Amino acid sequence: MYGPERQQEILRLAREDGRVDVLSLAETFQVTAETVRRDLKVLDRAGLLRRVHGGAIPVGRLDFEPDLAEREATAADEKDAIARAALAELPAGGSVILDAGTTVARLAALFPLDVDPAAELTVVTHALPVAARLADHPGIALHLVGGRVRHRTRAAVDAWALRAYGEVAADVAFVATNGFSPDGGLTTPDLAEAAVKRATIAAARRVVLLADSGKFAQRHFARFGDLSDVDLLITDTGLSPEDAREIERRGPAVIRA
């Protein structure tokens, strides 16, 4: 089977099954895993599939939401670079909101331990992984927002969470997203998750979006904001300078870490 024929069959399988994985495809077509990865890269560049950890999904799967472990492993180096750049946006004292998201959790893990006791930082989060990383931090006053916990993201949602954020006026919110684009705005697969993200944006004077370039031009079911709601986007160098300039025309400054 020639490469284009194999790629067409991979696309068909992805659309039928909702996703494909590298090892299964390699066994099906009797080729190496590296050959399959090259095929997926071709389909990704053509805009027909979106590569994820271990495989790919069809672009049309707007409601797809990978689990926490898969998201942790996806674009790990890029997320680390974004988190390091985001450290500079922490206020000296004051208050921040940390949204649910693997890049935001990486930022939480980097919070410096040698802080001035007089510059204690107040952190509000509805994300259990973020709260777990900061629970014993000596320089942080941690406030955990409650609600129904979504198993896929380990984040609290629904009325309790919305009510709590309605009582907050933080200095900075660090927000995550599943997709962002100039026309599509900020999107995520779940409506309840989107409502809480919308509330975090409203609860802060400044909004910093942490999103790797793989999420650019991705659109999901639930929209929770526009790029004009964001003051600063921190992403990686996979976002082209042209796309960065287009985003800046919509409002936020862009840092490509």
Protein backbone atom coordinates (compact mmCIF):
# COMPACT_ATOMS: atom_id res chain seq x y z
CA MET A 1 0.00 0.00 0.00
CA TYR A 2 1.34 3.43 -0.97
CA GLY A 3 1.59 6.21 1.59
CA PRO A 4 -1.35 8.29 0.29
CA GLU A 5 -3.57 5.19 0.23
CA ARG A 6 -2.60 4.35 3.81
CA GLN A 7 -3.24 7.93 4.92
CA GLN A 8 -6.68 7.88 3.34
CA GLU A 9 -7.50 4.67 5.21
CA ILE A 10 -6.19 6.13 8.48
CA LEU A 11 -8.47 9.12 8.00
CA ARG A 12 -11.44 6.83 7.37
CA LEU A 13 -10.72 4.83 10.54
CA ALA A 14 -10.36 8.00 12.60
CA ARG A 15 -13.70 9.32 11.42
CA GLU A 16 -15.42 6.00 12.06
CA ASP A 17 -13.93 5.30 15.50
CA GLY A 18 -13.45 8.85 16.77
CA ARG A 19 -9.69 8.38 17.18
CA VAL A 20 -6.76 6.19 16.12
CA ASP A 21 -3.63 5.12 17.97
CA VAL A 22 -0.15 4.64 16.57
CA LEU A 23 0.50 1.08 17.72
CA SER A 24 -2.81 -0.30 16.43
CA LEU A 25 -2.30 1.39 13.07
CA ALA A 26 1.22 0.02 12.80
CA GLU A 27 -0.10 -3.49 13.40
CA THR A 28 -3.02 -3.04 11.00
CA PHE A 29 -0.86 -1.83 8.12
CA GLN A 30 2.24 -3.88 9.00
CA VAL A 31 4.49 -0.83 9.09
CA THR A 32 6.64 0.74 11.79
CA ALA A 33 5.29 3.14 14.39
CA GLU A 34 7.54 5.83 12.95
CA THR A 35 5.89 5.40 9.53
CA VAL A 36 2.48 5.85 11.14
CA ARG A 37 3.66 8.97 12.97
CA ARG A 38 4.80 10.43 9.64
CA ASP A 39 1.38 9.64 8.16
CA LEU A 40 -0.34 11.36 11.08
CA LYS A 41 1.93 14.36 10.69
CA VAL A 42 0.94 14.66 7.01
CA LEU A 43 -2.77 14.46 7.89
CA ASP A 44 -2.33 16.94 10.74
CA ARG A 45 -0.62 19.45 8.47
CA ALA A 46 -3.43 19.03 5.96
CA GLY A 47 -5.93 19.94 8.68
CA LEU A 48 -7.68 16.56 8.51
CA LEU A 49 -6.55 15.10 11.84
CA ARG A 50 -5.32 16.54 15.11
CA ARG A 51 -2.40 14.70 16.66
CA VAL A 52 -2.74 13.82 20.35
CA HIS A 53 -0.58 11.75 22.67
CA GLY A 54 -0.28 8.27 21.17
CA GLY A 55 -2.44 8.87 18.12
CA ALA A 56 -4.83 11.33 16.50
CA ILE A 57 -8.46 12.47 16.35
CA PRO A 58 -10.45 13.84 13.41
CA VAL A 59 -10.70 17.62 13.33
CA GLY A 60 -14.47 17.37 13.25
CA ARG A 61 -14.59 15.93 16.78
CA LEU A 62 -15.36 19.28 18.41
CA ASP A 63 -16.62 17.62 21.58
CA PHE A 64 -13.49 15.54 22.15
CA GLU A 65 -11.98 15.98 25.61
CA PRO A 66 -8.87 13.96 26.47
CA ASP A 67 -8.45 12.77 30.03
CA LEU A 68 -6.08 14.38 32.50
CA ALA A 69 -3.21 11.92 32.03
CA GLU A 70 -3.30 12.32 28.25
CA ARG A 71 -3.36 16.11 28.48
CA GLU A 72 -0.46 16.06 30.93
CA ALA A 73 1.66 14.19 28.39
CA THR A 74 0.68 16.32 25.37
CA ALA A 75 3.03 19.21 24.44
CA ALA A 76 4.84 18.79 27.77
CA ASP A 77 7.93 20.82 26.82
CA GLU A 78 5.82 23.65 25.44
CA LYS A 79 3.68 23.74 28.58
CA ASP A 80 6.79 23.88 30.76
CA ALA A 81 8.10 26.86 28.79
CA ILE A 82 4.75 28.63 29.05
CA ALA A 83 4.58 28.03 32.80
CA ARG A 84 8.08 29.44 33.30
CA ALA A 85 7.17 32.56 31.34
CA ALA A 86 3.97 32.96 33.34
CA LEU A 87 5.92 33.24 36.60
CA ALA A 88 6.81 36.81 35.65
CA GLU A 89 3.12 37.70 35.66
CA LEU A 90 2.58 36.80 39.31
CA PRO A 91 1.91 39.88 41.42
CA ALA A 92 4.14 40.66 44.40
CA GLY A 93 1.56 39.81 47.00
CA GLY A 94 -2.07 40.33 46.07
CA SER A 95 -4.39 37.65 44.76
CA VAL A 96 -4.62 35.31 41.78
CA ILE A 97 -7.10 32.81 40.39
CA LEU A 98 -5.72 29.58 38.97
CA ASP A 99 -8.04 27.87 36.49
CA ALA A 100 -8.20 24.13 35.88
CA GLY A 101 -5.68 23.04 33.24
CA THR A 102 -2.42 21.15 32.95
CA THR A 103 -0.38 24.23 32.00
CA VAL A 104 -1.81 26.18 34.93
CA ALA A 105 -0.96 23.24 37.21
CA ARG A 106 2.63 23.42 35.92
CA LEU A 107 2.69 27.09 36.86
CA ALA A 108 1.49 26.20 40.37
CA ALA A 109 4.34 23.69 40.68
CA LEU A 110 6.85 26.45 39.92
CA PHE A 111 5.70 28.91 42.57
CA PRO A 112 8.88 29.95 44.44
CA LEU A 113 9.22 28.77 48.03
CA ASP A 114 11.56 31.57 49.20
CA VAL A 115 8.93 34.31 49.46
CA ASP A 116 8.81 37.34 51.71
CA PRO A 117 6.24 36.60 54.46
CA ALA A 118 4.99 40.17 54.08
CA ALA A 119 4.19 39.49 50.41
CA GLU A 120 1.92 36.50 50.95
CA LEU A 121 -0.01 35.57 47.83
CA THR A 122 -3.69 34.69 47.99
CA VAL A 123 -4.60 31.92 45.54
CA VAL A 124 -8.13 30.92 44.61
CA THR A 125 -8.72 27.75 42.58
CA HIS A 126 -11.45 25.25 41.78
CA ALA A 127 -8.91 22.73 40.42
CA LEU A 128 -8.01 19.86 42.73
CA PRO A 129 -4.59 19.18 41.09
CA VAL A 130 -3.65 22.85 41.55
CA ALA A 131 -4.84 22.90 45.16
CA ALA A 132 -2.90 19.72 45.94
CA ARG A 133 0.32 21.27 44.65
CA LEU A 134 -0.12 24.43 46.71
CA ALA A 135 -1.70 23.10 49.91
CA ASP A 136 1.60 23.06 51.84
CA HIS A 137 3.18 26.12 50.24
CA PRO A 138 4.47 28.40 53.02
CA GLY A 139 3.88 31.68 51.20
CA ILE A 140 0.34 31.13 49.97
CA ALA A 141 -3.10 31.63 51.48
CA LEU A 142 -5.05 29.02 49.53
CA HIS A 143 -8.81 29.19 48.97
CA LEU A 144 -10.39 26.11 47.41
CA VAL A 145 -13.65 26.71 45.54
CA GLY A 146 -16.14 23.86 45.91
CA GLY A 147 -18.79 22.28 43.73
CA ARG A 148 -19.43 19.14 41.73
CA VAL A 149 -16.07 17.69 40.70
CA ARG A 150 -15.76 16.63 37.07
CA HIS A 151 -13.77 13.40 36.98
CA ARG A 152 -12.18 14.16 33.60
CA THR A 153 -10.62 17.47 34.71
CA ARG A 154 -10.71 17.19 38.53
CA ALA A 155 -12.33 20.64 38.58
CA ALA A 156 -15.29 21.91 40.62
CA VAL A 157 -18.22 23.22 38.57
CA ASP A 158 -21.88 24.24 38.86
CA ALA A 159 -23.67 26.60 41.23
CA TRP A 160 -21.33 26.49 44.25
CA ALA A 161 -18.31 27.35 42.15
CA LEU A 162 -20.10 30.11 40.25
CA ARG A 163 -21.41 31.64 43.47
CA ALA A 164 -17.92 31.64 45.03
CA TYR A 165 -16.30 33.36 42.06
CA GLY A 166 -19.08 35.94 42.12
CA GLU A 167 -17.67 37.07 45.48
CA VAL A 168 -14.04 37.39 44.31
CA ALA A 169 -12.13 40.36 42.89
CA ALA A 170 -8.63 39.05 42.17
CA ASP A 171 -5.65 40.85 40.69
CA VAL A 172 -4.87 38.25 38.02
CA ALA A 173 -6.58 35.14 36.63
CA PHE A 174 -4.48 32.51 34.88
CA VAL A 175 -6.93 30.80 32.54
CA ALA A 176 -6.66 27.64 30.44
CA THR A 177 -8.55 26.70 27.29
CA ASN A 178 -9.02 23.72 24.97
CA GLY A 179 -9.14 25.93 21.90
CA PHE A 180 -8.55 29.55 20.89
CA SER A 181 -8.80 31.44 17.64
CA PRO A 182 -9.45 35.00 16.42
CA ASP A 183 -12.94 34.13 15.18
CA GLY A 184 -13.89 31.22 17.44
CA GLY A 185 -12.77 32.82 20.69
CA LEU A 186 -12.09 30.64 23.73
CA THR A 187 -13.76 27.23 23.80
CA THR A 188 -13.92 24.03 25.83
CA PRO A 189 -15.97 20.83 25.37
CA ASP A 190 -18.13 21.08 28.52
CA LEU A 191 -20.78 23.72 29.25
CA ALA A 192 -20.37 23.54 33.04
CA GLU A 193 -16.61 23.94 32.73
CA ALA A 194 -17.12 26.87 30.37
CA ALA A 195 -19.40 28.62 32.86
CA VAL A 196 -16.76 28.46 35.58
CA LYS A 197 -14.05 29.69 33.23
CA ARG A 198 -16.31 32.61 32.29
CA ALA A 199 -16.74 33.36 35.99
CA THR A 200 -12.97 33.34 36.61
CA ILE A 201 -12.48 35.87 33.82
CA ALA A 202 -15.14 38.14 35.34
CA ALA A 203 -13.59 37.80 38.80
CA ALA A 204 -10.15 39.25 37.92
CA ARG A 205 -8.86 42.64 36.92
CA ARG A 206 -6.30 41.10 34.56
CA VAL A 207 -6.57 37.87 32.56
CA VAL A 208 -3.58 35.82 31.39
CA LEU A 209 -4.35 32.95 29.01
CA LEU A 210 -1.94 29.99 29.08
CA ALA A 211 -2.35 27.89 25.95
CA ASP A 212 0.08 25.88 23.82
CA SER A 213 0.08 26.46 20.08
CA GLY A 214 -1.57 23.10 19.39
CA LYS A 215 -4.82 24.62 20.66
CA PHE A 216 -4.74 27.45 18.14
CA ALA A 217 -7.62 27.30 15.63
CA GLN A 218 -9.28 24.52 17.65
CA ARG A 219 -12.99 24.98 18.32
CA HIS A 220 -15.05 23.10 20.88
CA PHE A 221 -18.70 22.98 21.83
CA ALA A 222 -18.82 25.52 24.68
CA ARG A 223 -17.59 29.08 24.17
CA PHE A 224 -16.63 31.00 27.30
CA GLY A 225 -15.01 34.17 26.01
CA ASP A 226 -13.34 36.16 23.28
CA LEU A 227 -9.71 37.07 22.79
CA SER A 228 -10.72 40.63 23.70
CA ASP A 229 -11.43 39.33 27.24
CA VAL A 230 -7.72 38.43 27.58
CA ASP A 231 -4.95 40.86 28.49
CA LEU A 232 -2.02 38.54 27.74
CA LEU A 233 -1.64 35.24 25.88
CA ILE A 234 1.41 33.15 26.76
CA THR A 235 1.98 30.39 24.22
CA ASP A 236 4.96 28.69 22.57
CA THR A 237 6.95 29.35 19.41
CA GLY A 238 4.78 26.90 17.48
CA LEU A 239 2.38 29.80 17.00
CA SER A 240 3.57 31.67 13.94
CA PRO A 241 4.46 35.38 14.14
CA GLU A 242 1.65 36.07 11.66
CA ASP A 243 -0.94 34.34 13.86
CA ALA A 244 0.45 36.13 16.92
CA ARG A 245 -0.01 39.51 15.20
CA GLU A 246 -3.58 38.60 14.25
CA ILE A 247 -4.33 37.70 17.88
CA GLU A 248 -2.81 40.97 19.07
CA ARG A 249 -5.11 42.84 16.71
CA ARG A 250 -7.98 41.27 18.67
CA GLY A 251 -6.74 42.71 21.96
CA PRO A 252 -4.26 40.65 24.00
CA ALA A 253 -0.50 40.99 23.98
CA VAL A 254 1.27 37.74 22.99
CA ILE A 255 4.36 36.13 24.45
CA ARG A 256 5.81 33.18 22.49
CA ALA A 257 7.89 31.34 25.09
